[in-house]
Structures are given as C-alpha cells and as structure tokens.
Amino acid sequence: MKQKVYMLVVLGLMVLQGFAQTTPAVTVYREFKPATIHLADGRLLKVSLANIFLKNSSLLYKNGVETKEANLKTLTQVDFEDRSYFKIDTLLAYQVDTIGHDALYCAQKIDFVAWRQMVANNSVLSSLDWGDMIGYTYAELSDEQDLHFPIINLYFFRLDGKFVLAHERHLKRVLNKEKRRLMEAVMIDKKFSWTDEHSLLTLLKTIQ
C-alpha cells in the first residue's frame, strides 16, 4: 500500500514542476522537530516532534508512531527553534517582521486550485488521501528531483492588536479616511504588490 501511495505522489507532483513557488513536501520543515505549544488556557506544552501541515496551515505532531493534527481551538502559538507561529483565525502564521507595535505575518498553504487542476488531468490521483501523505517527509521524497506542490502565501497585518488580511478590500474596512488615502498613495507605486513582503512592510509603516 505504501509503495502504491508513493508512486501516486511521484506521478502527481511531477506535473507541478512548472509552478513558480513550490515545495517538495506537505510540511514546512523537512523533518519533524521540537516545539513549544502555547495552549489557550495559558499552559505551555513541549513536544519533541512537530511540524506545520501545508494542507491547511495547521499543526502536526507525533504521538508514538501516529501523526496527528492538533485542534487549533486549543492553542494560540507554536514556537520552533527558528520561528514562532501564531493562530490567526483557522491558520498558523509566522511573524515576518514588526513595525513598532504592529506586525506582518505569513501563512503558507498548498494552492488547491492548481492542485485540483492537476488532479482533474490525472484521474488516477483522485483517490489519494491526505491522511496517507502526511506520513511522507521531505527526506523520503528527496531522491526525486521534480516533486513539488504549488504554494500560496497569505499575508496578515496585526494592526492595533487585531489581525486583518493584507488586501485592499479588508484594509479599507478597518482604516479611517486619512489612512485609506495613505494606503492608496503606496499602492500607486508600480513596484507595489500584495504578495511582496517589502511592499507590505512599507504599507504597514505608512498606515500606522
């Protein structure tokens, strides 16, 4: 069964080699690593093997031989050695940078629109279950050169203690008239992009 699933993964991921931003695994880290989980009740829980699942930007952890997905309602933050992830609605997003008391965050997810297009063109993959795939780490697939999933980055601002999606429509709902004018002044720059971290940090600094 494992060999069958592996071959399906190989077949499917080879189709995705043309996408600009891709990843060779269904998790952020190549291997599961230690993490400290901040629970909603204020307690800290240390786990020896954890990862970020790119299916839905959630937390995975090892419990014995089983890989489980954590209930995000029970936690607020996850600290890895290199970065911290914060719960934003139903996602875990890492902090890109701070500007004063405000900050920019990024949640990474597999681009399911592109994935479904691939599946539609390769019906043999329609039976592939994500539960099977979380058992495959980067290390297990690293011998294949063109195994990649398409990835999208979702950016969020923390403004005055509240999270808002980094998008014109969402920002207009929370900004006053003067700050909307400042936002529009930044947006007219030809180099500005809602998917460019430098652009978003410049915007965040401007609308503070």
C-alpha atoms as a PDB file:
ATOM      1  CA  MET A   1       0.000   0.000   0.000  1.00  0.00           C
ATOM      2  CA  LYS A   2       2.815   2.385   0.935  1.00  0.00           C
ATOM      3  CA  GLN A   3       4.549   1.764  -2.382  1.00  0.00           C
ATOM      4  CA  LYS A   4       1.297   2.435  -4.265  1.00  0.00           C
ATOM      5  CA  VAL A   5       0.718   5.729  -2.485  1.00  0.00           C
ATOM      6  CA  TYR A   6       4.329   6.730  -3.034  1.00  0.00           C
ATOM      7  CA  MET A   7       4.037   6.159  -6.769  1.00  0.00           C
ATOM      8  CA  LEU A   8       0.843   8.215  -6.881  1.00  0.00           C
ATOM      9  CA  VAL A   9       2.613  11.054  -5.094  1.00  0.00           C
ATOM     10  CA  VAL A  10       5.525  10.880  -7.516  1.00  0.00           C
ATOM     11  CA  LEU A  11       3.217  10.908 -10.533  1.00  0.00           C
ATOM     12  CA  GLY A  12       1.169  13.817  -9.276  1.00  0.00           C
ATOM     13  CA  LEU A  13       3.967  16.050  -8.105  1.00  0.00           C
ATOM     14  CA  MET A  14       5.908  15.774 -11.352  1.00  0.00           C
ATOM     15  CA  VAL A  15       3.042  17.606 -13.079  1.00  0.00           C
ATOM     16  CA  LEU A  16       3.538  20.585 -10.753  1.00  0.00           C
ATOM     17  CA  GLN A  17       7.166  21.299 -11.610  1.00  0.00           C
ATOM     18  CA  GLY A  18       6.224  24.370 -13.676  1.00  0.00           C
ATOM     19  CA  PHE A  19       4.746  26.409 -10.817  1.00  0.00           C
ATOM     20  CA  ALA A  20       6.761  29.411  -9.567  1.00  0.00           C
ATOM     21  CA  GLN A  21       6.583  28.802  -5.823  1.00  0.00           C
ATOM     22  CA  THR A  22       6.572  25.178  -4.840  1.00  0.00           C
ATOM     23  CA  THR A  23       7.655  22.848  -2.057  1.00  0.00           C
ATOM     24  CA  PRO A  24       8.861  19.234  -2.186  1.00  0.00           C
ATOM     25  CA  ALA A  25       6.844  18.219   0.895  1.00  0.00           C
ATOM     26  CA  VAL A  26       3.450  18.630   2.521  1.00  0.00           C
ATOM     27  CA  THR A  27       5.037  20.149   5.621  1.00  0.00           C
ATOM     28  CA  VAL A  28       7.096  23.298   6.220  1.00  0.00           C
ATOM     29  CA  TYR A  29      10.072  21.501   7.735  1.00  0.00           C
ATOM     30  CA  ARG A  30      11.967  18.659   6.117  1.00  0.00           C
ATOM     31  CA  GLU A  31      11.738  16.689   9.349  1.00  0.00           C
ATOM     32  CA  PHE A  32       9.572  16.920  12.454  1.00  0.00           C
ATOM     33  CA  LYS A  33      11.297  18.924  15.192  1.00  0.00           C
ATOM     34  CA  PRO A  34      10.825  20.016  18.819  1.00  0.00           C
ATOM     35  CA  ALA A  35       8.276  22.745  19.542  1.00  0.00           C
ATOM     36  CA  THR A  36       6.646  24.540  22.447  1.00  0.00           C
ATOM     37  CA  ILE A  37       2.874  24.905  22.179  1.00  0.00           C
ATOM     38  CA  HIS A  38       1.121  27.785  23.935  1.00  0.00           C
ATOM     39  CA  LEU A  39      -2.259  26.427  24.975  1.00  0.00           C
ATOM     40  CA  ALA A  40      -5.370  28.618  25.106  1.00  0.00           C
ATOM     41  CA  ASP A  41      -5.572  28.175  28.900  1.00  0.00           C
ATOM     42  CA  GLY A  42      -2.089  29.653  29.360  1.00  0.00           C
ATOM     43  CA  ARG A  43      -0.148  26.418  29.821  1.00  0.00           C
ATOM     44  CA  LEU A  44       2.952  25.502  27.823  1.00  0.00           C
ATOM     45  CA  LEU A  45       3.272  22.065  26.258  1.00  0.00           C
ATOM     46  CA  LYS A  46       6.590  20.816  24.897  1.00  0.00           C
ATOM     47  CA  VAL A  47       6.511  18.209  22.123  1.00  0.00           C
ATOM     48  CA  SER A  48       9.559  16.501  20.663  1.00  0.00           C
ATOM     49  CA  LEU A  49       8.263  16.070  17.092  1.00  0.00           C
ATOM     50  CA  ALA A  50       6.051  18.699  15.435  1.00  0.00           C
ATOM     51  CA  ASN A  51       5.581  20.344  12.034  1.00  0.00           C
ATOM     52  CA  ILE A  52       3.333  22.733  10.102  1.00  0.00           C
ATOM     53  CA  PHE A  53       0.929  20.973   7.726  1.00  0.00           C
ATOM     54  CA  LEU A  54       0.673  22.852   4.415  1.00  0.00           C
ATOM     55  CA  LYS A  55      -2.714  21.371   3.622  1.00  0.00           C
ATOM     56  CA  ASN A  56      -4.359  23.965   5.877  1.00  0.00           C
ATOM     57  CA  SER A  57      -1.502  25.671   7.758  1.00  0.00           C
ATOM     58  CA  SER A  58      -2.185  23.655  10.901  1.00  0.00           C
ATOM     59  CA  LEU A  59      -0.028  21.862  13.471  1.00  0.00           C
ATOM     60  CA  LEU A  60       1.064  18.246  13.162  1.00  0.00           C
ATOM     61  CA  TYR A  61       2.712  16.300  15.957  1.00  0.00           C
ATOM     62  CA  LYS A  62       3.932  12.770  16.525  1.00  0.00           C
ATOM     63  CA  ASN A  63       2.248  10.672  19.192  1.00  0.00           C
ATOM     64  CA  GLY A  64       4.163   7.420  19.272  1.00  0.00           C
ATOM     65  CA  VAL A  65       4.044   6.047  15.732  1.00  0.00           C
ATOM     66  CA  GLU A  66       0.996   8.140  14.819  1.00  0.00           C
ATOM     67  CA  THR A  67       0.993  11.574  13.187  1.00  0.00           C
ATOM     68  CA  LYS A  68      -1.865  13.709  14.483  1.00  0.00           C
ATOM     69  CA  GLU A  69      -3.309  17.098  13.578  1.00  0.00           C
ATOM     70  CA  ALA A  70      -3.785  19.442  16.542  1.00  0.00           C
ATOM     71  CA  ASN A  71      -7.073  21.202  17.264  1.00  0.00           C
ATOM     72  CA  LEU A  72      -6.239  24.874  16.729  1.00  0.00           C
ATOM     73  CA  LYS A  73      -9.000  25.914  19.105  1.00  0.00           C
ATOM     74  CA  THR A  74      -6.846  24.647  21.962  1.00  0.00           C
ATOM     75  CA  LEU A  75      -3.717  26.729  21.202  1.00  0.00           C
ATOM     76  CA  THR A  76      -2.582  30.281  20.474  1.00  0.00           C
ATOM     77  CA  GLN A  77       1.059  29.960  19.427  1.00  0.00           C
ATOM     78  CA  VAL A  78       3.706  27.400  18.473  1.00  0.00           C
ATOM     79  CA  ASP A  79       7.418  28.094  18.928  1.00  0.00           C
ATOM     80  CA  PHE A  80      10.008  26.280  16.830  1.00  0.00           C
ATOM     81  CA  GLU A  81      13.743  26.912  17.095  1.00  0.00           C
ATOM     82  CA  ASP A  82      13.819  29.246  14.082  1.00  0.00           C
ATOM     83  CA  ARG A  83      10.417  30.980  14.223  1.00  0.00           C
ATOM     84  CA  SER A  84       7.113  31.299  16.049  1.00  0.00           C
ATOM     85  CA  TYR A  85       3.689  30.621  14.559  1.00  0.00           C
ATOM     86  CA  PHE A  86       0.603  32.456  15.779  1.00  0.00           C
ATOM     87  CA  LYS A  87      -3.003  31.385  15.403  1.00  0.00           C
ATOM     88  CA  ILE A  88      -4.915  33.708  13.092  1.00  0.00           C
ATOM     89  CA  ASP A  89      -8.495  32.504  12.776  1.00  0.00           C
ATOM     90  CA  THR A  90      -8.064  28.913  11.492  1.00  0.00           C
ATOM     91  CA  LEU A  91      -4.430  29.248  10.364  1.00  0.00           C
ATOM     92  CA  LEU A  92      -0.951  29.241  11.856  1.00  0.00           C
ATOM     93  CA  ALA A  93       1.133  32.117  10.504  1.00  0.00           C
ATOM     94  CA  TYR A  94       4.731  33.036  11.253  1.00  0.00           C
ATOM     95  CA  GLN A  95       5.807  36.574  12.040  1.00  0.00           C
ATOM     96  CA  VAL A  96       7.674  38.110   9.106  1.00  0.00           C
ATOM     97  CA  ASP A  97       8.655  41.379  10.813  1.00  0.00           C
ATOM     98  CA  THR A  98       7.412  44.072  13.161  1.00  0.00           C
ATOM     99  CA  ILE A  99       6.900  47.802  12.675  1.00  0.00           C
ATOM    100  CA  GLY A 100       6.510  49.396  16.086  1.00  0.00           C
ATOM    101  CA  HIS A 101       3.671  47.626  17.881  1.00  0.00           C
ATOM    102  CA  ASP A 102       2.270  46.236  14.609  1.00  0.00           C
ATOM    103  CA  ALA A 103       3.482  43.280  12.547  1.00  0.00           C
ATOM    104  CA  LEU A 104       3.268  41.342   9.278  1.00  0.00           C
ATOM    105  CA  TYR A 105       2.504  37.602   9.295  1.00  0.00           C
ATOM    106  CA  CYS A 106       2.525  34.898   6.638  1.00  0.00           C
ATOM    107  CA  ALA A 107       0.529  31.656   6.467  1.00  0.00           C
ATOM    108  CA  GLN A 108       1.580  29.150   3.816  1.00  0.00           C
ATOM    109  CA  LYS A 109      -0.825  26.716   2.195  1.00  0.00           C
ATOM    110  CA  ILE A 110      -0.871  24.379  -0.764  1.00  0.00           C
ATOM    111  CA  ASP A 111      -2.614  26.002  -3.734  1.00  0.00           C
ATOM    112  CA  PHE A 112      -5.605  23.705  -4.067  1.00  0.00           C
ATOM    113  CA  VAL A 113      -6.886  25.421  -7.213  1.00  0.00           C
ATOM    114  CA  ALA A 114      -3.707  24.370  -9.016  1.00  0.00           C
ATOM    115  CA  TRP A 115      -3.726  21.012  -7.252  1.00  0.00           C
ATOM    116  CA  ARG A 116      -7.311  20.230  -8.338  1.00  0.00           C
ATOM    117  CA  GLN A 117      -6.490  21.187 -11.911  1.00  0.00           C
ATOM    118  CA  MET A 118      -3.692  18.667 -11.819  1.00  0.00           C
ATOM    119  CA  VAL A 119      -5.941  16.017 -10.291  1.00  0.00           C
ATOM    120  CA  ALA A 120      -8.583  16.656 -12.957  1.00  0.00           C
ATOM    121  CA  ASN A 121      -5.968  15.918 -15.601  1.00  0.00           C
ATOM    122  CA  ASN A 122      -4.738  12.823 -13.764  1.00  0.00           C
ATOM    123  CA  SER A 123      -7.806  10.964 -12.506  1.00  0.00           C
ATOM    124  CA  VAL A 124      -5.651   8.214 -11.006  1.00  0.00           C
ATOM    125  CA  LEU A 125      -4.772  10.684  -8.240  1.00  0.00           C
ATOM    126  CA  SER A 126      -8.355  11.346  -7.167  1.00  0.00           C
ATOM    127  CA  SER A 127      -8.184   8.514  -4.655  1.00  0.00           C
ATOM    128  CA  LEU A 128      -5.054   9.881  -2.976  1.00  0.00           C
ATOM    129  CA  ASP A 129      -5.806  10.650   0.668  1.00  0.00           C
ATOM    130  CA  TRP A 130      -4.095  13.461   2.586  1.00  0.00           C
ATOM    131  CA  GLY A 131      -4.029  11.220   5.634  1.00  0.00           C
ATOM    132  CA  ASP A 132      -1.626   8.952   3.762  1.00  0.00           C
ATOM    133  CA  MET A 133       0.506  11.813   2.534  1.00  0.00           C
ATOM    134  CA  ILE A 134       1.334  13.347   5.917  1.00  0.00           C
ATOM    135  CA  GLY A 135       3.450  10.293   6.610  1.00  0.00           C
ATOM    136  CA  TYR A 136       5.891  11.299   3.866  1.00  0.00           C
ATOM    137  CA  THR A 137       8.658  13.704   4.821  1.00  0.00           C
ATOM    138  CA  TYR A 138      10.955  15.603   2.510  1.00  0.00           C
ATOM    139  CA  ALA A 139      13.663  13.069   3.225  1.00  0.00           C
ATOM    140  CA  GLU A 140      11.570  10.229   1.823  1.00  0.00           C
ATOM    141  CA  LEU A 141      10.959  12.086  -1.422  1.00  0.00           C
ATOM    142  CA  SER A 142      14.277  13.889  -1.825  1.00  0.00           C
ATOM    143  CA  ASP A 143      15.619  11.400  -4.366  1.00  0.00           C
ATOM    144  CA  GLU A 144      13.026  12.607  -6.867  1.00  0.00           C
ATOM    145  CA  GLN A 145      14.094  15.890  -8.473  1.00  0.00           C
ATOM    146  CA  ASP A 146      10.765  17.297  -9.619  1.00  0.00           C
ATOM    147  CA  LEU A 147       8.401  16.600  -6.726  1.00  0.00           C
ATOM    148  CA  HIS A 148       6.731  19.876  -5.814  1.00  0.00           C
ATOM    149  CA  PHE A 149       3.403  21.212  -4.559  1.00  0.00           C
ATOM    150  CA  PRO A 150       2.264  24.727  -5.561  1.00  0.00           C
ATOM    151  CA  ILE A 151       2.256  27.077  -2.558  1.00  0.00           C
ATOM    152  CA  ILE A 152       0.386  30.305  -1.823  1.00  0.00           C
ATOM    153  CA  ASN A 153       1.312  32.821   0.872  1.00  0.00           C
ATOM    154  CA  LEU A 154      -1.474  34.526   2.801  1.00  0.00           C
ATOM    155  CA  TYR A 155      -0.315  37.724   4.497  1.00  0.00           C
ATOM    156  CA  PHE A 156      -1.888  39.358   7.529  1.00  0.00           C
ATOM    157  CA  PHE A 157      -1.290  42.616   9.363  1.00  0.00           C
ATOM    158  CA  ARG A 158      -1.601  42.990  13.108  1.00  0.00           C
ATOM    159  CA  LEU A 159      -2.984  46.497  13.494  1.00  0.00           C
ATOM    160  CA  ASP A 160      -3.767  47.858  16.944  1.00  0.00           C
ATOM    161  CA  GLY A 161      -3.831  44.319  18.294  1.00  0.00           C
ATOM    162  CA  LYS A 162      -6.212  42.968  15.637  1.00  0.00           C
ATOM    163  CA  PHE A 163      -5.407  40.740  12.643  1.00  0.00           C
ATOM    164  CA  VAL A 164      -6.557  41.762   9.169  1.00  0.00           C
ATOM    165  CA  LEU A 165      -5.877  40.108   5.805  1.00  0.00           C
ATOM    166  CA  ALA A 166      -3.366  42.102   3.759  1.00  0.00           C
ATOM    167  CA  HIS A 167      -5.758  43.009   0.974  1.00  0.00           C
ATOM    168  CA  GLU A 168      -7.179  46.349  -0.163  1.00  0.00           C
ATOM    169  CA  ARG A 169     -10.811  45.443   0.496  1.00  0.00           C
ATOM    170  CA  HIS A 170     -10.156  44.125   4.007  1.00  0.00           C
ATOM    171  CA  LEU A 171      -7.929  47.034   4.993  1.00  0.00           C
ATOM    172  CA  LYS A 172     -10.472  49.625   3.862  1.00  0.00           C
ATOM    173  CA  ARG A 173     -12.913  48.185   6.392  1.00  0.00           C
ATOM    174  CA  VAL A 174     -10.634  48.959   9.328  1.00  0.00           C
ATOM    175  CA  LEU A 175      -8.833  52.142   8.228  1.00  0.00           C
ATOM    176  CA  ASN A 176     -10.136  55.662   8.619  1.00  0.00           C
ATOM    177  CA  LYS A 177     -10.392  58.032   5.670  1.00  0.00           C
ATOM    178  CA  GLU A 178      -6.913  59.516   6.103  1.00  0.00           C
ATOM    179  CA  LYS A 179      -5.205  56.111   6.367  1.00  0.00           C
ATOM    180  CA  ARG A 180      -7.115  54.838   3.324  1.00  0.00           C
ATOM    181  CA  ARG A 181      -5.692  57.802   1.429  1.00  0.00           C
ATOM    182  CA  LEU A 182      -2.189  56.879   2.609  1.00  0.00           C
ATOM    183  CA  MET A 183      -2.750  53.268   1.551  1.00  0.00           C
ATOM    184  CA  GLU A 184      -3.796  54.331  -1.938  1.00  0.00           C
ATOM    185  CA  ALA A 185      -0.700  56.532  -2.218  1.00  0.00           C
ATOM    186  CA  VAL A 186       1.514  53.496  -1.543  1.00  0.00           C
ATOM    187  CA  MET A 187      -0.465  51.296  -3.945  1.00  0.00           C
ATOM    188  CA  ILE A 188       0.105  53.585  -6.953  1.00  0.00           C
ATOM    189  CA  ASP A 189       3.795  52.654  -6.938  1.00  0.00           C
ATOM    190  CA  LYS A 190       4.331  50.294  -9.880  1.00  0.00           C
ATOM    191  CA  LYS A 191       6.569  48.108  -7.727  1.00  0.00           C
ATOM    192  CA  PHE A 192       3.884  47.594  -5.095  1.00  0.00           C
ATOM    193  CA  SER A 193       2.479  44.080  -4.761  1.00  0.00           C
ATOM    194  CA  TRP A 194       0.155  42.461  -2.219  1.00  0.00           C
ATOM    195  CA  THR A 195       2.390  39.374  -2.329  1.00  0.00           C
ATOM    196  CA  ASP A 196       5.700  41.177  -1.813  1.00  0.00           C
ATOM    197  CA  GLU A 197       6.848  41.385   1.802  1.00  0.00           C
ATOM    198  CA  HIS A 198       8.861  44.588   1.274  1.00  0.00           C
ATOM    199  CA  SER A 199       5.795  46.291  -0.228  1.00  0.00           C
ATOM    200  CA  LEU A 200       3.591  45.152   2.634  1.00  0.00           C
ATOM    201  CA  LEU A 201       6.034  46.314   5.304  1.00  0.00           C
ATOM    202  CA  THR A 202       6.263  49.712   3.601  1.00  0.00           C
ATOM    203  CA  LEU A 203       2.462  49.898   3.586  1.00  0.00           C
ATOM    204  CA  LEU A 204       2.259  48.864   7.240  1.00  0.00           C
ATOM    205  CA  LYS A 205       4.735  51.594   8.239  1.00  0.00           C
ATOM    206  CA  THR A 206       2.769  54.158   6.236  1.00  0.00           C
ATOM    207  CA  ILE A 207      -0.668  53.457   7.703  1.00  0.00           C
ATOM    208  CA  GLN A 208       0.390  53.299  11.348  1.00  0.00           C
END
